[in-house]
Amino acid sequence: MTKEVLIKQLSDLVRFKTLSGNVEENTKALDYVQELIGQGFEMERIKNGKAEVLMASVVKGNSPKYCYMVHVDVVSGRDDQFEMKIEDGKAIGRGTCDMKFSIPLGISLLKEAREKQIDFCLMITTDEEVGGLEGAKLIAERGFSPQILIVPDGGENLNFVDKAKGVCQLKLVAKGKPAHASRPWLGKNAIDPLLKLGAELLKIYGENNLTESWKTTMNFGTISGGTSTNQVCPEAEMKIDFRYPETDSIENIVSVVEGKIKELGLEVEVSKLSTGLPTFTDVNDPEVKRYIGVMEEAFGQKIVVKQTYGASDARHFAGLKCPVLMHKPLGGEIHSEDEWIDIDSVMTFCEGLKKYLGLNS
């Protein structure tokens, strides 16, 4: 892949407004990718709800040696952010770093893998930004089990990610009884129990939010209820996002929340939204050591191993215990107005991947 091809394809991809849930734009983007891939591959397009997954493989089967998993969906942005620009060797635009840069690479690697008959699969999802519940999760549940999962969707400053926190998002609903705000004793405010519960949960998890730590953190994402200031709220809900390390679990978090509800004598219903297991990769695994060694040679510097706090589609494959190679080129400002990826770094990353996969031998 030449630098010119990278820039052209990345610019075209950025132009698609592939917000999660925008079925039309994501379909157009995948159509474009499929056209670039061309003929001669095992190609499958799986639609599920508002998501679609494109899978292109060199060898037919459900357990390729290498799966290169990326996503084409992005978060929202201004119209001008969907027109990529080049400044000081950086490609700037929505999704350049998270993570459309990876798609031209994946197409190039796929084509070269076919020439060498390397068992390689390119998987592109369209709902990673909203949890991957209709995309990657479905593929995992169907029994897709790669031997090695390559996910260029984490790690800053060329860091290799050895572990990522799991996610547990809960919805809490409380119901009350409406009344005029001047006579609150005639009603039952649904917001009150959520506030009481929230205060108790902060006593447990609040300290973990104050500084960087490998402990379970909690974020009150939304609290909603009521339609008028002068009415006692009849129904309210609160959504909480927990990020937890491998020493905690979804079951334990739910147990803590439900335990506090019972202890306080509250009437609050708990349901799960998006959940995912923590991912962990043993850096002493021979494949991981080989990968890091190849990338250190390619970039001419030491690759630092570090954990990440965000989640990716890799969470849905955590149960496989296969090595997850989570690493990416230099980039930054994801989800911001100035999101960028370094073009030369992408090219070096591509060369490193080619060597690791045995494509340049």
Foldseek 3Di string as FASTA:
>chain_A
DDLVLLVVLLQVLLLQQLAQLPQVSQVVSVVVLDVLLDDDWDWDWDDFDSKIKIKTWLDDDQEFQEEEEAESHFHDDDNVLSRWDDDPQKTWHTCVVNPSSCSVLLSVLRVLCNVVVHGYMYMYMRHFVPFCVGHLLVSVVVPRHYQEYEYQRDDAPFAWAFKEWKKWKKKKKFFKAKDFQVCCVVIGARVVVVVVLVVVVCVVAVVPPPDDDQAKHKDFPDKDFDDDPGMRTGMIMTMMMITGGPVDDNVRVVVVSVVSCVVVVHDMDMDTDHTFHMAGADCPPPLNVLLQVLLCVLVVHHHHYDHDHDDGSCRSNRVSRRGYGHGHFHWDPHPHNTTIGRSVRSVSVSVSVCVSSVSPD
